[in-house]
C-alpha atoms as a PDB file:
ATOM      1  CA  UNK A   1      11.628   3.306  -1.687  1.00  0.00           C
ATOM      2  CA  UNK A   2       9.865   6.662  -1.189  1.00  0.00           C
ATOM      3  CA  UNK A   3      11.195   8.073  -4.449  1.00  0.00           C
ATOM      4  CA  UNK A   4      10.348   4.879  -6.331  1.00  0.00           C
ATOM      5  CA  UNK A   5       6.776   4.924  -5.032  1.00  0.00           C
ATOM      6  CA  UNK A   6       6.281   8.621  -5.800  1.00  0.00           C
ATOM      7  CA  UNK A   7       7.350   7.871  -9.381  1.00  0.00           C
ATOM      8  CA  UNK A   8       5.002   4.887  -9.473  1.00  0.00           C
ATOM      9  CA  UNK A   9       2.072   7.229  -8.771  1.00  0.00           C
ATOM     10  CA  UNK A  10       2.670   8.724 -12.218  1.00  0.00           C
ATOM     11  CA  UNK A  11       2.902   5.382 -14.026  1.00  0.00           C
ATOM     12  CA  UNK A  12       0.724   2.457 -14.983  1.00  0.00           C
ATOM     13  CA  UNK A  13       3.243  -0.227 -14.012  1.00  0.00           C
ATOM     14  CA  UNK A  14       1.994  -2.896 -11.607  1.00  0.00           C
ATOM     15  CA  UNK A  15       3.026  -2.667  -7.960  1.00  0.00           C
ATOM     16  CA  UNK A  16       5.435  -5.325  -6.732  1.00  0.00           C
ATOM     17  CA  UNK A  17       4.928  -7.300  -3.567  1.00  0.00           C
ATOM     18  CA  UNK A  18       7.963  -5.553  -2.107  1.00  0.00           C
ATOM     19  CA  UNK A  19       6.335  -2.176  -2.764  1.00  0.00           C
ATOM     20  CA  UNK A  20       3.019  -3.325  -1.320  1.00  0.00           C
ATOM     21  CA  UNK A  21       4.818  -4.626   1.774  1.00  0.00           C
ATOM     22  CA  UNK A  22       6.578  -1.298   2.244  1.00  0.00           C
ATOM     23  CA  UNK A  23       3.240   0.501   1.991  1.00  0.00           C
ATOM     24  CA  UNK A  24       1.738  -1.813   4.614  1.00  0.00           C
ATOM     25  CA  UNK A  25       4.722  -1.242   6.897  1.00  0.00           C
ATOM     26  CA  UNK A  26       4.157   2.527   6.698  1.00  0.00           C
ATOM     27  CA  UNK A  27       0.365   2.648   6.775  1.00  0.00           C
ATOM     28  CA  UNK A  28       0.318   4.345  10.188  1.00  0.00           C
ATOM     29  CA  UNK A  29       3.396   6.538   9.717  1.00  0.00           C
ATOM     30  CA  UNK A  30       3.566   9.617  11.920  1.00  0.00           C
ATOM     31  CA  UNK A  31       4.847  11.636   8.948  1.00  0.00           C
ATOM     32  CA  UNK A  32       1.710  12.829   7.159  1.00  0.00           C
ATOM     33  CA  UNK A  33       3.499  13.155   3.825  1.00  0.00           C
ATOM     34  CA  UNK A  34       4.332   9.452   3.899  1.00  0.00           C
ATOM     35  CA  UNK A  35       1.017   8.310   5.380  1.00  0.00           C
ATOM     36  CA  UNK A  36      -1.350  10.472   3.350  1.00  0.00           C
ATOM     37  CA  UNK A  37       0.518  11.576   0.250  1.00  0.00           C
ATOM     38  CA  UNK A  38       2.344   8.316  -0.436  1.00  0.00           C
ATOM     39  CA  UNK A  39       0.735   5.338   1.303  1.00  0.00           C
ATOM     40  CA  UNK A  40      -2.920   6.303   0.941  1.00  0.00           C
ATOM     41  CA  UNK A  41      -2.453   7.676  -2.573  1.00  0.00           C
ATOM     42  CA  UNK A  42      -0.458   4.610  -3.652  1.00  0.00           C
ATOM     43  CA  UNK A  43      -3.060   2.151  -2.401  1.00  0.00           C
ATOM     44  CA  UNK A  44      -5.800   4.127  -4.171  1.00  0.00           C
ATOM     45  CA  UNK A  45      -3.779   4.237  -7.381  1.00  0.00           C
ATOM     46  CA  UNK A  46      -2.807   0.561  -7.225  1.00  0.00           C
ATOM     47  CA  UNK A  47      -6.258  -0.788  -6.414  1.00  0.00           C
ATOM     48  CA  UNK A  48      -8.500   1.554  -8.391  1.00  0.00           C
ATOM     49  CA  UNK A  49      -6.339   1.367 -11.512  1.00  0.00           C
ATOM     50  CA  UNK A  50      -5.898  -2.418 -11.359  1.00  0.00           C
ATOM     51  CA  UNK A  51      -2.140  -2.323 -10.789  1.00  0.00           C
ATOM     52  CA  UNK A  52      -2.075  -5.280  -8.396  1.00  0.00           C
ATOM     53  CA  UNK A  53      -2.160  -8.872  -9.628  1.00  0.00           C
ATOM     54  CA  UNK A  54      -4.815 -11.221  -8.267  1.00  0.00           C
ATOM     55  CA  UNK A  55      -2.113 -13.210  -6.474  1.00  0.00           C
ATOM     56  CA  UNK A  56      -0.694 -10.081  -4.829  1.00  0.00           C
ATOM     57  CA  UNK A  57      -4.200  -8.864  -3.968  1.00  0.00           C
ATOM     58  CA  UNK A  58      -4.827 -12.163  -2.145  1.00  0.00           C
ATOM     59  CA  UNK A  59      -1.465 -11.785  -0.385  1.00  0.00           C
ATOM     60  CA  UNK A  60      -2.309  -8.185   0.534  1.00  0.00           C
ATOM     61  CA  UNK A  61      -5.671  -9.208   2.023  1.00  0.00           C
ATOM     62  CA  UNK A  62      -3.959 -11.934   4.057  1.00  0.00           C
ATOM     63  CA  UNK A  63      -1.338  -9.493   5.354  1.00  0.00           C
ATOM     64  CA  UNK A  64      -3.999  -6.974   6.321  1.00  0.00           C
ATOM     65  CA  UNK A  65      -5.833  -9.622   8.324  1.00  0.00           C
ATOM     66  CA  UNK A  66      -2.636 -11.039   9.849  1.00  0.00           C
ATOM     67  CA  UNK A  67      -1.479  -7.579  10.929  1.00  0.00           C
ATOM     68  CA  UNK A  68      -4.967  -6.649  12.138  1.00  0.00           C
ATOM     69  CA  UNK A  69      -4.980  -3.431  10.116  1.00  0.00           C
ATOM     70  CA  UNK A  70      -8.716  -3.207   9.499  1.00  0.00           C
ATOM     71  CA  UNK A  71      -9.663  -2.048  12.957  1.00  0.00           C
ATOM     72  CA  UNK A  72      -8.224   0.785  15.023  1.00  0.00           C
ATOM     73  CA  UNK A  73      -7.478  -0.257  18.621  1.00  0.00           C
ATOM     74  CA  UNK A  74      -9.703  -3.297  18.483  1.00  0.00           C
ATOM     75  CA  UNK A  75      -9.591  -5.269  21.703  1.00  0.00           C
END
């Protein structure tokens, strides 16, 4: 998936739900090249360039809330 997502950074193809899920799964990766160069850059590319459908954006928001990814070490 890494290679596929690095290629996606150079394209204008929409992101699939599978790709978005992989990015969510690796949002806190210890490997900085995955976390910063792939996950962060991919979310910026996908959201700022409108490469996520409305349905997948709603799904993404729900997953973020369900996984409690908005807050760091929230009690």
